[in-house]
Amino acid sequence: MRKLLLGAICGIGLMLTACGSSQESDESAQSSDGNASEEVADSGNSDGINTQAAEEEYKKSCQSCHGADLSGAVGPDLTEVGSKYSEEEILEIIEKGKGGMPPGRAAGEDAALLAAWLAEKE
């Protein structure tokens, strides 16, 4: 029984480690002259979602578990998550977690941006 419990704890630890392993540094992007580059222009879609910002937040907060192409890895496939959950439901999952997903991987405006972007994945 003790070995089973230890194995379960180790498995959970590995899963949480994998989900938290993709941390980007806070260094600013540098242009060729050594100065910090200017913010990239808003590349929003027809619904007004800044897709570039959403994709960057996804890379930072979600990609390590859900894969670079949203097809899943440790976490489930998100390629059609918008057909299963509403934007509000996705936001709640991001904020509160679900199953093996820890809460708070993104918060506030970042969480709302991700929820809106993922809700379009149908």
PDB file of N, CA and C in Angstrom:
ATOM      1  N   MET A   1       0.830  -1.190   0.000  1.00  0.00           N
ATOM      2  CA  MET A   1       0.000   0.000   0.000  1.00  0.00           C
ATOM      3  C   MET A   1       0.878   1.259   0.000  1.00  0.00           C
ATOM      4  N   ARG A   2       1.956   1.188   0.769  1.00  0.00           N
ATOM      5  CA  ARG A   2       2.860   2.325   0.865  1.00  0.00           C
ATOM      6  C   ARG A   2       3.498   2.632  -0.489  1.00  0.00           C
ATOM      7  N   LYS A   3       3.897   1.578  -1.238  1.00  0.00           N
ATOM      8  CA  LYS A   3       4.508   1.765  -2.554  1.00  0.00           C
ATOM      9  C   LYS A   3       3.507   2.377  -3.524  1.00  0.00           C
ATOM     10  N   LEU A   4       2.250   1.941  -3.447  1.00  0.00           N
ATOM     11  CA  LEU A   4       1.204   2.472  -4.319  1.00  0.00           C
ATOM     12  C   LEU A   4       0.990   3.963  -4.049  1.00  0.00           C
ATOM     13  N   LEU A   5       0.928   4.336  -2.785  1.00  0.00           N
ATOM     14  CA  LEU A   5       0.747   5.737  -2.418  1.00  0.00           C
ATOM     15  C   LEU A   5       1.943   6.574  -2.879  1.00  0.00           C
ATOM     16  N   LEU A   6       3.145   6.068  -2.665  1.00  0.00           N
ATOM     17  CA  LEU A   6       4.347   6.779  -3.101  1.00  0.00           C
ATOM     18  C   LEU A   6       4.366   6.956  -4.622  1.00  0.00           C
ATOM     19  N   GLY A   7       3.961   5.905  -5.355  1.00  0.00           N
ATOM     20  CA  GLY A   7       3.896   5.993  -6.814  1.00  0.00           C
ATOM     21  C   GLY A   7       2.900   7.037  -7.274  1.00  0.00           C
ATOM     22  N   ALA A   8       1.740   7.107  -6.615  1.00  0.00           N
ATOM     23  CA  ALA A   8       0.720   8.096  -6.972  1.00  0.00           C
ATOM     24  C   ALA A   8       1.232   9.510  -6.717  1.00  0.00           C
ATOM     25  N   ILE A   9       1.893   9.701  -5.585  1.00  0.00           N
ATOM     26  CA  ILE A   9       2.426  11.030  -5.251  1.00  0.00           C
ATOM     27  C   ILE A   9       3.492  11.444  -6.263  1.00  0.00           C
ATOM     28  N   CYS A  10       4.364  10.514  -6.620  1.00  0.00           N
ATOM     29  CA  CYS A  10       5.402  10.814  -7.614  1.00  0.00           C
ATOM     30  C   CYS A  10       4.776  11.154  -8.968  1.00  0.00           C
ATOM     31  N   GLY A  11       3.749  10.421  -9.363  1.00  0.00           N
ATOM     32  CA  GLY A  11       3.081  10.684 -10.642  1.00  0.00           C
ATOM     33  C   GLY A  11       2.467  12.065 -10.680  1.00  0.00           C
ATOM     34  N   ILE A  12       1.826  12.471  -9.587  1.00  0.00           N
ATOM     35  CA  ILE A  12       1.228  13.803  -9.518  1.00  0.00           C
ATOM     36  C   ILE A  12       2.331  14.853  -9.572  1.00  0.00           C
ATOM     37  N   GLY A  13       3.421  14.598  -8.856  1.00  0.00           N
ATOM     38  CA  GLY A  13       4.541  15.542  -8.870  1.00  0.00           C
ATOM     39  C   GLY A  13       5.122  15.714 -10.259  1.00  0.00           C
ATOM     40  N   LEU A  14       5.261  14.611 -10.993  1.00  0.00           N
ATOM     41  CA  LEU A  14       5.784  14.696 -12.362  1.00  0.00           C
ATOM     42  C   LEU A  14       4.851  15.487 -13.255  1.00  0.00           C
ATOM     43  N   MET A  15       3.542  15.276 -13.101  1.00  0.00           N
ATOM     44  CA  MET A  15       2.576  15.977 -13.930  1.00  0.00           C
ATOM     45  C   MET A  15       2.627  17.476 -13.644  1.00  0.00           C
ATOM     46  N   LEU A  16       2.682  17.847 -12.375  1.00  0.00           N
ATOM     47  CA  LEU A  16       2.739  19.268 -12.030  1.00  0.00           C
ATOM     48  C   LEU A  16       4.048  19.893 -12.492  1.00  0.00           C
ATOM     49  N   THR A  17       5.134  19.143 -12.405  1.00  0.00           N
ATOM     50  CA  THR A  17       6.420  19.640 -12.885  1.00  0.00           C
ATOM     51  C   THR A  17       6.372  19.898 -14.379  1.00  0.00           C
ATOM     52  N   ALA A  18       5.771  18.981 -15.132  1.00  0.00           N
ATOM     53  CA  ALA A  18       5.682  19.147 -16.584  1.00  0.00           C
ATOM     54  C   ALA A  18       4.841  20.365 -16.928  1.00  0.00           C
ATOM     55  N   CYS A  19       3.744  20.584 -16.216  1.00  0.00           N
ATOM     56  CA  CYS A  19       2.889  21.726 -16.506  1.00  0.00           C
ATOM     57  C   CYS A  19       3.541  23.043 -16.129  1.00  0.00           C
ATOM     58  N   GLY A  20       4.436  23.033 -15.178  1.00  0.00           N
ATOM     59  CA  GLY A  20       5.058  24.272 -14.743  1.00  0.00           C
ATOM     60  C   GLY A  20       6.437  24.503 -15.315  1.00  0.00           C
ATOM     61  N   SER A  21       6.882  23.638 -16.215  1.00  0.00           N
ATOM     62  CA  SER A  21       8.263  23.735 -16.678  1.00  0.00           C
ATOM     63  C   SER A  21       8.489  24.761 -17.771  1.00  0.00           C
ATOM     64  N   SER A  22       7.434  25.278 -18.354  1.00  0.00           N
ATOM     65  CA  SER A  22       7.607  26.222 -19.455  1.00  0.00           C
ATOM     66  C   SER A  22       7.485  27.644 -18.938  1.00  0.00           C
ATOM     67  N   GLN A  23       8.540  28.156 -18.364  1.00  0.00           N
ATOM     68  CA  GLN A  23       8.546  29.516 -17.851  1.00  0.00           C
ATOM     69  C   GLN A  23       9.462  30.366 -18.723  1.00  0.00           C
ATOM     70  N   GLU A  24       8.888  31.384 -19.339  1.00  0.00           N
ATOM     71  CA  GLU A  24       9.704  32.262 -20.167  1.00  0.00           C
ATOM     72  C   GLU A  24      10.396  33.281 -19.289  1.00  0.00           C
ATOM     73  N   SER A  25      11.558  33.729 -19.702  1.00  0.00           N
ATOM     74  CA  SER A  25      12.261  34.760 -18.950  1.00  0.00           C
ATOM     75  C   SER A  25      11.581  36.096 -19.190  1.00  0.00           C
ATOM     76  N   ASP A  26      11.872  37.031 -18.302  1.00  0.00           N
ATOM     77  CA  ASP A  26      11.278  38.361 -18.410  1.00  0.00           C
ATOM     78  C   ASP A  26      12.142  39.321 -19.203  1.00  0.00           C
ATOM     79  N   GLU A  27      13.144  38.798 -19.905  1.00  0.00           N
ATOM     80  CA  GLU A  27      14.024  39.673 -20.674  1.00  0.00           C
ATOM     81  C   GLU A  27      13.263  40.281 -21.840  1.00  0.00           C
ATOM     82  N   SER A  28      13.541  41.540 -22.133  1.00  0.00           N
ATOM     83  CA  SER A  28      12.914  42.213 -23.267  1.00  0.00           C
ATOM     84  C   SER A  28      13.579  41.767 -24.549  1.00  0.00           C
ATOM     85  N   ALA A  29      12.798  41.742 -25.610  1.00  0.00           N
ATOM     86  CA  ALA A  29      13.365  41.439 -26.927  1.00  0.00           C
ATOM     87  C   ALA A  29      14.245  42.602 -27.335  1.00  0.00           C
ATOM     88  N   GLN A  30      15.371  42.312 -27.918  1.00  0.00           N
ATOM     89  CA  GLN A  30      16.299  43.351 -28.311  1.00  0.00           C
ATOM     90  C   GLN A  30      16.298  43.510 -29.831  1.00  0.00           C
ATOM     91  N   SER A  31      16.307  44.749 -30.296  1.00  0.00           N
ATOM     92  CA  SER A  31      16.420  44.991 -31.729  1.00  0.00           C
ATOM     93  C   SER A  31      17.891  44.951 -32.109  1.00  0.00           C
ATOM     94  N   SER A  32      18.181  45.069 -33.392  1.00  0.00           N
ATOM     95  CA  SER A  32      19.562  44.970 -33.858  1.00  0.00           C
ATOM     96  C   SER A  32      20.466  46.060 -33.285  1.00  0.00           C
ATOM     97  N   ASP A  33      19.898  47.205 -32.851  1.00  0.00           N
ATOM     98  CA  ASP A  33      20.734  48.255 -32.286  1.00  0.00           C
ATOM     99  C   ASP A  33      20.887  48.131 -30.770  1.00  0.00           C
ATOM    100  N   GLY A  34      20.337  47.016 -30.172  1.00  0.00           N
ATOM    101  CA  GLY A  34      20.507  46.771 -28.755  1.00  0.00           C
ATOM    102  C   GLY A  34      19.415  47.354 -27.887  1.00  0.00           C
ATOM    103  N   ASN A  35      18.504  48.119 -28.455  1.00  0.00           N
ATOM    104  CA  ASN A  35      17.408  48.682 -27.675  1.00  0.00           C
ATOM    105  C   ASN A  35      16.246  47.711 -27.645  1.00  0.00           C
ATOM    106  N   ALA A  36      15.449  47.813 -26.599  1.00  0.00           N
ATOM    107  CA  ALA A  36      14.267  46.961 -26.520  1.00  0.00           C
ATOM    108  C   ALA A  36      13.365  47.276 -27.700  1.00  0.00           C
ATOM    109  N   SER A  37      12.848  46.233 -28.324  1.00  0.00           N
ATOM    110  CA  SER A  37      11.997  46.447 -29.491  1.00  0.00           C
ATOM    111  C   SER A  37      10.653  47.019 -29.067  1.00  0.00           C
ATOM    112  N   GLU A  38      10.026  47.737 -29.968  1.00  0.00           N
ATOM    113  CA  GLU A  38       8.717  48.293 -29.688  1.00  0.00           C
ATOM    114  C   GLU A  38       7.700  47.179 -29.697  1.00  0.00           C
ATOM    115  N   GLU A  39       6.603  47.387 -28.967  1.00  0.00           N
ATOM    116  CA  GLU A  39       5.550  46.391 -28.915  1.00  0.00           C
ATOM    117  C   GLU A  39       5.008  46.139 -30.318  1.00  0.00           C
ATOM    118  N   VAL A  40       4.785  44.869 -30.631  1.00  0.00           N
ATOM    119  CA  VAL A  40       4.285  44.496 -31.942  1.00  0.00           C
ATOM    120  C   VAL A  40       2.855  45.004 -32.083  1.00  0.00           C
ATOM    121  N   ALA A  41       2.519  45.479 -33.254  1.00  0.00           N
ATOM    122  CA  ALA A  41       1.176  45.994 -33.505  1.00  0.00           C
ATOM    123  C   ALA A  41       0.130  44.922 -33.241  1.00  0.00           C
ATOM    124  N   ASP A  42      -1.038  45.367 -32.795  1.00  0.00           N
ATOM    125  CA  ASP A  42      -2.143  44.458 -32.510  1.00  0.00           C
ATOM    126  C   ASP A  42      -2.499  43.684 -33.766  1.00  0.00           C
ATOM    127  N   SER A  43      -2.460  42.371 -33.653  1.00  0.00           N
ATOM    128  CA  SER A  43      -2.841  41.533 -34.784  1.00  0.00           C
ATOM    129  C   SER A  43      -4.126  40.806 -34.424  1.00  0.00           C
ATOM    130  N   GLY A  44      -5.155  41.581 -34.140  1.00  0.00           N
ATOM    131  CA  GLY A  44      -6.435  41.030 -33.718  1.00  0.00           C
ATOM    132  C   GLY A  44      -7.194  40.386 -34.855  1.00  0.00           C
ATOM    133  N   ASN A  45      -8.119  39.507 -34.489  1.00  0.00           N
ATOM    134  CA  ASN A  45      -8.967  38.874 -35.488  1.00  0.00           C
ATOM    135  C   ASN A  45     -10.256  39.684 -35.643  1.00  0.00           C
ATOM    136  N   SER A  46     -11.203  39.161 -36.378  1.00  0.00           N
ATOM    137  CA  SER A  46     -12.442  39.890 -36.635  1.00  0.00           C
ATOM    138  C   SER A  46     -13.279  40.080 -35.375  1.00  0.00           C
ATOM    139  N   ASP A  47     -13.041  39.267 -34.335  1.00  0.00           N
ATOM    140  CA  ASP A  47     -13.765  39.413 -33.073  1.00  0.00           C
ATOM    141  C   ASP A  47     -13.049  40.351 -32.103  1.00  0.00           C
ATOM    142  N   GLY A  48     -11.944  40.953 -32.546  1.00  0.00           N
ATOM    143  CA  GLY A  48     -11.213  41.879 -31.715  1.00  0.00           C
ATOM    144  C   GLY A  48     -10.237  41.226 -30.748  1.00  0.00           C
ATOM    145  N   ILE A  49     -10.006  39.941 -30.887  1.00  0.00           N
ATOM    146  CA  ILE A  49      -9.057  39.249 -30.020  1.00  0.00           C
ATOM    147  C   ILE A  49      -7.654  39.419 -30.590  1.00  0.00           C
ATOM    148  N   ASN A  50      -6.734  39.827 -29.759  1.00  0.00           N
ATOM    149  CA  ASN A  50      -5.341  39.958 -30.174  1.00  0.00           C
ATOM    150  C   ASN A  50      -4.758  38.543 -30.203  1.00  0.00           C
ATOM    151  N   THR A  51      -4.812  37.926 -31.363  1.00  0.00           N
ATOM    152  CA  THR A  51      -4.391  36.530 -31.490  1.00  0.00           C
ATOM    153  C   THR A  51      -2.909  36.345 -31.181  1.00  0.00           C
ATOM    154  N   GLN A  52      -2.087  37.315 -31.554  1.00  0.00           N
ATOM    155  CA  GLN A  52      -0.662  37.192 -31.281  1.00  0.00           C
ATOM    156  C   GLN A  52      -0.405  37.185 -29.772  1.00  0.00           C
ATOM    157  N   ALA A  53      -1.059  38.066 -29.051  1.00  0.00           N
ATOM    158  CA  ALA A  53      -0.899  38.109 -27.593  1.00  0.00           C
ATOM    159  C   ALA A  53      -1.444  36.832 -26.959  1.00  0.00           C
ATOM    160  N   ALA A  54      -2.572  36.337 -27.476  1.00  0.00           N
ATOM    161  CA  ALA A  54      -3.153  35.097 -26.952  1.00  0.00           C
ATOM    162  C   ALA A  54      -2.212  33.919 -27.184  1.00  0.00           C
ATOM    163  N   GLU A  55      -1.634  33.857 -28.370  1.00  0.00           N
ATOM    164  CA  GLU A  55      -0.704  32.769 -28.679  1.00  0.00           C
ATOM    165  C   GLU A  55       0.543  32.831 -27.807  1.00  0.00           C
ATOM    166  N   GLU A  56       1.036  34.032 -27.539  1.00  0.00           N
ATOM    167  CA  GLU A  56       2.201  34.185 -26.658  1.00  0.00           C
ATOM    168  C   GLU A  56       1.867  33.744 -25.237  1.00  0.00           C
ATOM    169  N   GLU A  57       0.692  34.124 -24.757  1.00  0.00           N
ATOM    170  CA  GLU A  57       0.276  33.707 -23.408  1.00  0.00           C
ATOM    171  C   GLU A  57       0.090  32.195 -23.354  1.00  0.00           C
ATOM    172  N   TYR A  58      -0.465  31.619 -24.414  1.00  0.00           N
ATOM    173  CA  TYR A  58      -0.616  30.161 -24.488  1.00  0.00           C
ATOM    174  C   TYR A  58       0.755  29.484 -24.391  1.00  0.00           C
ATOM    175  N   LYS A  59       1.726  29.999 -25.141  1.00  0.00           N
ATOM    176  CA  LYS A  59       3.074  29.421 -25.104  1.00  0.00           C
ATOM    177  C   LYS A  59       3.642  29.467 -23.697  1.00  0.00           C
ATOM    178  N   LYS A  60       3.430  30.556 -23.018  1.00  0.00           N
ATOM    179  CA  LYS A  60       3.976  30.748 -21.679  1.00  0.00           C
ATOM    180  C   LYS A  60       3.250  29.899 -20.634  1.00  0.00           C
ATOM    181  N   SER A  61       1.936  29.840 -20.708  1.00  0.00           N
ATOM    182  CA  SER A  61       1.146  29.257 -19.627  1.00  0.00           C
ATOM    183  C   SER A  61       0.582  27.867 -19.892  1.00  0.00           C
ATOM    184  N   CYS A  62       0.434  27.479 -21.155  1.00  0.00           N
ATOM    185  CA  CYS A  62      -0.337  26.275 -21.462  1.00  0.00           C
ATOM    186  C   CYS A  62       0.396  25.231 -22.300  1.00  0.00           C
ATOM    187  N   GLN A  63       1.304  25.682 -23.139  1.00  0.00           N
ATOM    188  CA  GLN A  63       1.923  24.820 -24.136  1.00  0.00           C
ATOM    189  C   GLN A  63       2.622  23.602 -23.541  1.00  0.00           C
ATOM    190  N   SER A  64       3.233  23.737 -22.386  1.00  0.00           N
ATOM    191  CA  SER A  64       3.988  22.611 -21.824  1.00  0.00           C
ATOM    192  C   SER A  64       3.094  21.415 -21.535  1.00  0.00           C
ATOM    193  N   CYS A  65       1.824  21.633 -21.287  1.00  0.00           N
ATOM    194  CA  CYS A  65       0.903  20.525 -21.017  1.00  0.00           C
ATOM    195  C   CYS A  65      -0.025  20.205 -22.191  1.00  0.00           C
ATOM    196  N   HIS A  66      -0.383  21.219 -22.968  1.00  0.00           N
ATOM    197  CA  HIS A  66      -1.364  21.016 -24.041  1.00  0.00           C
ATOM    198  C   HIS A  66      -0.741  20.965 -25.432  1.00  0.00           C
ATOM    199  N   GLY A  67       0.572  21.083 -25.530  1.00  0.00           N
ATOM    200  CA  GLY A  67       1.262  20.959 -26.810  1.00  0.00           C
ATOM    201  C   GLY A  67       1.295  22.243 -27.606  1.00  0.00           C
ATOM    202  N   ALA A  68       2.323  22.382 -28.424  1.00  0.00           N
ATOM    203  CA  ALA A  68       2.508  23.581 -29.238  1.00  0.00           C
ATOM    204  C   ALA A  68       1.362  23.777 -30.228  1.00  0.00           C
ATOM    205  N   ASP A  69       0.776  22.682 -30.681  1.00  0.00           N
ATOM    206  CA  ASP A  69      -0.313  22.774 -31.658  1.00  0.00           C
ATOM    207  C   ASP A  69      -1.690  22.506 -31.040  1.00  0.00           C
ATOM    208  N   LEU A  70      -1.790  22.593 -29.713  1.00  0.00           N
ATOM    209  CA  LEU A  70      -3.023  22.381 -28.952  1.00  0.00           C
ATOM    210  C   LEU A  70      -3.512  20.930 -28.979  1.00  0.00           C
ATOM    211  N   SER A  71      -2.721  20.011 -29.521  1.00  0.00           N
ATOM    212  CA  SER A  71      -3.182  18.631 -29.694  1.00  0.00           C
ATOM    213  C   SER A  71      -3.077  17.785 -28.433  1.00  0.00           C
ATOM    214  N   GLY A  72      -2.566  18.359 -27.365  1.00  0.00           N
ATOM    215  CA  GLY A  72      -2.489  17.640 -26.106  1.00  0.00           C
ATOM    216  C   GLY A  72      -1.133  17.008 -25.893  1.00  0.00           C
ATOM    217  N   ALA A  73      -0.803  16.830 -24.639  1.00  0.00           N
ATOM    218  CA  ALA A  73       0.422  16.150 -24.221  1.00  0.00           C
ATOM    219  C   ALA A  73       0.077  15.554 -22.858  1.00  0.00           C
ATOM    220  N   VAL A  74       0.517  16.179 -21.792  1.00  0.00           N
ATOM    221  CA  VAL A  74       0.089  15.776 -20.455  1.00  0.00           C
ATOM    222  C   VAL A  74      -1.375  16.164 -20.275  1.00  0.00           C
ATOM    223  N   GLY A  75      -1.743  17.329 -20.785  1.00  0.00           N
ATOM    224  CA  GLY A  75      -3.120  17.809 -20.721  1.00  0.00           C
ATOM    225  C   GLY A  75      -3.884  17.420 -21.972  1.00  0.00           C
ATOM    226  N   PRO A  76      -5.195  17.613 -21.952  1.00  0.00           N
ATOM    227  CA  PRO A  76      -6.024  17.202 -23.090  1.00  0.00           C
ATOM    228  C   PRO A  76      -5.858  18.071 -24.333  1.00  0.00           C
ATOM    229  N   ASP A  77      -6.314  17.539 -25.449  1.00  0.00           N
ATOM    230  CA  ASP A  77      -6.361  18.221 -26.741  1.00  0.00           C
ATOM    231  C   ASP A  77      -7.283  19.436 -26.628  1.00  0.00           C
ATOM    232  N   LEU A  78      -6.831  20.582 -27.105  1.00  0.00           N
ATOM    233  CA  LEU A  78      -7.634  21.811 -27.077  1.00  0.00           C
ATOM    234  C   LEU A  78      -8.004  22.302 -28.473  1.00  0.00           C
ATOM    235  N   THR A  79      -7.723  21.499 -29.498  1.00  0.00           N
ATOM    236  CA  THR A  79      -7.961  21.965 -30.869  1.00  0.00           C
ATOM    237  C   THR A  79      -9.421  22.292 -31.137  1.00  0.00           C
ATOM    238  N   GLU A  80     -10.358  21.666 -30.427  1.00  0.00           N
ATOM    239  CA  GLU A  80     -11.787  21.940 -30.621  1.00  0.00           C
ATOM    240  C   GLU A  80     -12.478  22.250 -29.295  1.00  0.00           C
ATOM    241  N   VAL A  81     -11.739  22.820 -28.349  1.00  0.00           N
ATOM    242  CA  VAL A  81     -12.268  23.061 -27.011  1.00  0.00           C
ATOM    243  C   VAL A  81     -13.472  23.999 -27.032  1.00  0.00           C
ATOM    244  N   GLY A  82     -13.538  24.911 -27.997  1.00  0.00           N
ATOM    245  CA  GLY A  82     -14.661  25.843 -28.093  1.00  0.00           C
ATOM    246  C   GLY A  82     -15.970  25.178 -28.458  1.00  0.00           C
ATOM    247  N   SER A  83     -15.928  23.993 -29.025  1.00  0.00           N
ATOM    248  CA  SER A  83     -17.166  23.275 -29.325  1.00  0.00           C
ATOM    249  C   SER A  83     -17.676  22.510 -28.110  1.00  0.00           C
ATOM    250  N   LYS A  84     -16.840  22.393 -27.092  1.00  0.00           N
ATOM    251  CA  LYS A  84     -17.219  21.663 -25.880  1.00  0.00           C
ATOM    252  C   LYS A  84     -17.569  22.610 -24.738  1.00  0.00           C
ATOM    253  N   TYR A  85     -16.849  23.730 -24.637  1.00  0.00           N
ATOM    254  CA  TYR A  85     -17.035  24.673 -23.545  1.00  0.00           C
ATOM    255  C   TYR A  85     -17.242  26.083 -24.076  1.00  0.00           C
ATOM    256  N   SER A  86     -18.025  26.876 -23.344  1.00  0.00           N
ATOM    257  CA  SER A  86     -18.202  28.291 -23.674  1.00  0.00           C
ATOM    258  C   SER A  86     -16.980  29.073 -23.187  1.00  0.00           C
ATOM    259  N   GLU A  87     -16.876  30.310 -23.625  1.00  0.00           N
ATOM    260  CA  GLU A  87     -15.775  31.168 -23.186  1.00  0.00           C
ATOM    261  C   GLU A  87     -15.762  31.293 -21.661  1.00  0.00           C
ATOM    262  N   GLU A  88     -16.938  31.436 -21.067  1.00  0.00           N
ATOM    263  CA  GLU A  88     -17.038  31.571 -19.615  1.00  0.00           C
ATOM    264  C   GLU A  88     -16.584  30.294 -18.912  1.00  0.00           C
ATOM    265  N   GLU A  89     -16.954  29.133 -19.456  1.00  0.00           N
ATOM    266  CA  GLU A  89     -16.538  27.865 -18.864  1.00  0.00           C
ATOM    267  C   GLU A  89     -15.026  27.673 -18.984  1.00  0.00           C
ATOM    268  N   ILE A  90     -14.467  28.058 -20.125  1.00  0.00           N
ATOM    269  CA  ILE A  90     -13.017  27.958 -20.317  1.00  0.00           C
ATOM    270  C   ILE A  90     -12.293  28.868 -19.328  1.00  0.00           C
ATOM    271  N   LEU A  91     -12.796  30.073 -19.147  1.00  0.00           N
ATOM    272  CA  LEU A  91     -12.199  31.004 -18.194  1.00  0.00           C
ATOM    273  C   LEU A  91     -12.219  30.414 -16.785  1.00  0.00           C
ATOM    274  N   GLU A  92     -13.326  29.812 -16.414  1.00  0.00           N
ATOM    275  CA  GLU A  92     -13.428  29.197 -15.086  1.00  0.00           C
ATOM    276  C   GLU A  92     -12.409  28.064 -14.921  1.00  0.00           C
ATOM    277  N   ILE A  93     -12.228  27.256 -15.969  1.00  0.00           N
ATOM    278  CA  ILE A  93     -11.248  26.169 -15.921  1.00  0.00           C
ATOM    279  C   ILE A  93      -9.836  26.738 -15.775  1.00  0.00           C
ATOM    280  N   ILE A  94      -9.524  27.799 -16.521  1.00  0.00           N
ATOM    281  CA  ILE A  94      -8.203  28.426 -16.438  1.00  0.00           C
ATOM    282  C   ILE A  94      -7.967  28.953 -15.024  1.00  0.00           C
ATOM    283  N   GLU A  95      -8.961  29.615 -14.470  1.00  0.00           N
ATOM    284  CA  GLU A  95      -8.803  30.241 -13.159  1.00  0.00           C
ATOM    285  C   GLU A  95      -8.822  29.247 -12.002  1.00  0.00           C
ATOM    286  N   LYS A  96      -9.700  28.238 -12.070  1.00  0.00           N
ATOM    287  CA  LYS A  96      -9.880  27.321 -10.944  1.00  0.00           C
ATOM    288  C   LYS A  96      -9.224  25.960 -11.134  1.00  0.00           C
ATOM    289  N   GLY A  97      -8.790  25.660 -12.366  1.00  0.00           N
ATOM    290  CA  GLY A  97      -8.212  24.356 -12.642  1.00  0.00           C
ATOM    291  C   GLY A  97      -9.304  23.313 -12.868  1.00  0.00           C
ATOM    292  N   LYS A  98      -8.882  22.147 -13.327  1.00  0.00           N
ATOM    293  CA  LYS A  98      -9.828  21.052 -13.548  1.00  0.00           C
ATOM    294  C   LYS A  98      -9.022  19.772 -13.695  1.00  0.00           C
ATOM    295  N   GLY A  99      -9.444  18.715 -13.018  1.00  0.00           N
ATOM    296  CA  GLY A  99      -8.713  17.456 -13.078  1.00  0.00           C
ATOM    297  C   GLY A  99      -7.282  17.667 -12.621  1.00  0.00           C
ATOM    298  N   GLY A 100      -6.319  17.299 -13.453  1.00  0.00           N
ATOM    299  CA  GLY A 100      -4.911  17.462 -13.122  1.00  0.00           C
ATOM    300  C   GLY A 100      -4.364  18.845 -13.404  1.00  0.00           C
ATOM    301  N   MET A 101      -5.191  19.709 -13.993  1.00  0.00           N
ATOM    302  CA  MET A 101      -4.720  21.060 -14.310  1.00  0.00           C
ATOM    303  C   MET A 101      -4.770  21.930 -13.063  1.00  0.00           C
ATOM    304  N   PRO A 102      -3.637  22.524 -12.700  1.00  0.00           N
ATOM    305  CA  PRO A 102      -3.627  23.395 -11.525  1.00  0.00           C
ATOM    306  C   PRO A 102      -4.308  24.724 -11.821  1.00  0.00           C
ATOM    307  N   PRO A 103      -4.880  25.351 -10.814  1.00  0.00           N
ATOM    308  CA  PRO A 103      -5.507  26.667 -11.012  1.00  0.00           C
ATOM    309  C   PRO A 103      -4.455  27.755 -11.188  1.00  0.00           C
ATOM    310  N   GLY A 104      -4.874  28.834 -11.827  1.00  0.00           N
ATOM    311  CA  GLY A 104      -4.058  30.032 -11.860  1.00  0.00           C
ATOM    312  C   GLY A 104      -2.846  30.024 -12.766  1.00  0.00           C
ATOM    313  N   ARG A 105      -2.805  29.174 -13.782  1.00  0.00           N
ATOM    314  CA  ARG A 105      -1.674  29.208 -14.723  1.00  0.00           C
ATOM    315  C   ARG A 105      -1.654  30.556 -15.451  1.00  0.00           C
ATOM    316  N   ALA A 106      -2.810  31.170 -15.609  1.00  0.00           N
ATOM    317  CA  ALA A 106      -2.934  32.529 -16.134  1.00  0.00           C
ATOM    318  C   ALA A 106      -4.023  33.201 -15.308  1.00  0.00           C
ATOM    319  N   ALA A 107      -3.950  34.511 -15.163  1.00  0.00           N
ATOM    320  CA  ALA A 107      -4.919  35.221 -14.335  1.00  0.00           C
ATOM    321  C   ALA A 107      -5.319  36.540 -14.989  1.00  0.00           C
ATOM    322  N   GLY A 108      -6.409  37.087 -14.515  1.00  0.00           N
ATOM    323  CA  GLY A 108      -6.860  38.403 -14.948  1.00  0.00           C
ATOM    324  C   GLY A 108      -7.069  38.512 -16.442  1.00  0.00           C
ATOM    325  N   GLU A 109      -6.506  39.569 -17.030  1.00  0.00           N
ATOM    326  CA  GLU A 109      -6.668  39.817 -18.458  1.00  0.00           C
ATOM    327  C   GLU A 109      -6.054  38.711 -19.310  1.00  0.00           C
ATOM    328  N   ASP A 110      -4.955  38.136 -18.839  1.00  0.00           N
ATOM    329  CA  ASP A 110      -4.318  37.047 -19.586  1.00  0.00           C
ATOM    330  C   ASP A 110      -5.250  35.840 -19.659  1.00  0.00           C
ATOM    331  N   ALA A 111      -5.895  35.509 -18.554  1.00  0.00           N
ATOM    332  CA  ALA A 111      -6.823  34.382 -18.527  1.00  0.00           C
ATOM    333  C   ALA A 111      -8.024  34.660 -19.431  1.00  0.00           C
ATOM    334  N   ALA A 112      -8.538  35.878 -19.385  1.00  0.00           N
ATOM    335  CA  ALA A 112      -9.681  36.248 -20.224  1.00  0.00           C
ATOM    336  C   ALA A 112      -9.312  36.196 -21.711  1.00  0.00           C
ATOM    337  N   LEU A 113      -8.117  36.661 -22.048  1.00  0.00           N
ATOM    338  CA  LEU A 113      -7.641  36.619 -23.429  1.00  0.00           C
ATOM    339  C   LEU A 113      -7.539  35.163 -23.911  1.00  0.00           C
ATOM    340  N   LEU A 114      -6.949  34.312 -23.087  1.00  0.00           N
ATOM    341  CA  LEU A 114      -6.834  32.892 -23.440  1.00  0.00           C
ATOM    342  C   LEU A 114      -8.196  32.251 -23.620  1.00  0.00           C
ATOM    343  N   ALA A 115      -9.125  32.539 -22.714  1.00  0.00           N
ATOM    344  CA  ALA A 115     -10.458  31.963 -22.785  1.00  0.00           C
ATOM    345  C   ALA A 115     -11.167  32.362 -24.080  1.00  0.00           C
ATOM    346  N   ALA A 116     -11.077  33.635 -24.444  1.00  0.00           N
ATOM    347  CA  ALA A 116     -11.711  34.116 -25.671  1.00  0.00           C
ATOM    348  C   ALA A 116     -11.089  33.448 -26.883  1.00  0.00           C
ATOM    349  N   TRP A 117      -9.774  33.348 -26.909  1.00  0.00           N
ATOM    350  CA  TRP A 117      -9.053  32.737 -28.034  1.00  0.00           C
ATOM    351  C   TRP A 117      -9.371  31.252 -28.135  1.00  0.00           C
ATOM    352  N   LEU A 118      -9.349  30.546 -27.000  1.00  0.00           N
ATOM    353  CA  LEU A 118      -9.624  29.101 -27.027  1.00  0.00           C
ATOM    354  C   LEU A 118     -11.093  28.817 -27.365  1.00  0.00           C
ATOM    355  N   ALA A 119     -11.997  29.702 -26.978  1.00  0.00           N
ATOM    356  CA  ALA A 119     -13.419  29.504 -27.289  1.00  0.00           C
ATOM    357  C   ALA A 119     -13.676  29.494 -28.785  1.00  0.00           C
ATOM    358  N   GLU A 120     -12.780  30.111 -29.559  1.00  0.00           N
ATOM    359  CA  GLU A 120     -12.901  30.115 -31.025  1.00  0.00           C
ATOM    360  C   GLU A 120     -12.439  28.818 -31.660  1.00  0.00           C
ATOM    361  N   LYS A 121     -11.804  27.954 -30.888  1.00  0.00           N
ATOM    362  CA  LYS A 121     -11.283  26.684 -31.411  1.00  0.00           C
ATOM    363  C   LYS A 121     -12.420  25.679 -31.449  1.00  0.00           C
ATOM    364  N   GLU A 122     -13.025  25.539 -32.610  1.00  0.00           N
ATOM    365  CA  GLU A 122     -14.178  24.643 -32.769  1.00  0.00           C
ATOM    366  C   GLU A 122     -13.923  23.588 -33.807  1.00  0.00           C
TER     367      GLU A 122
END
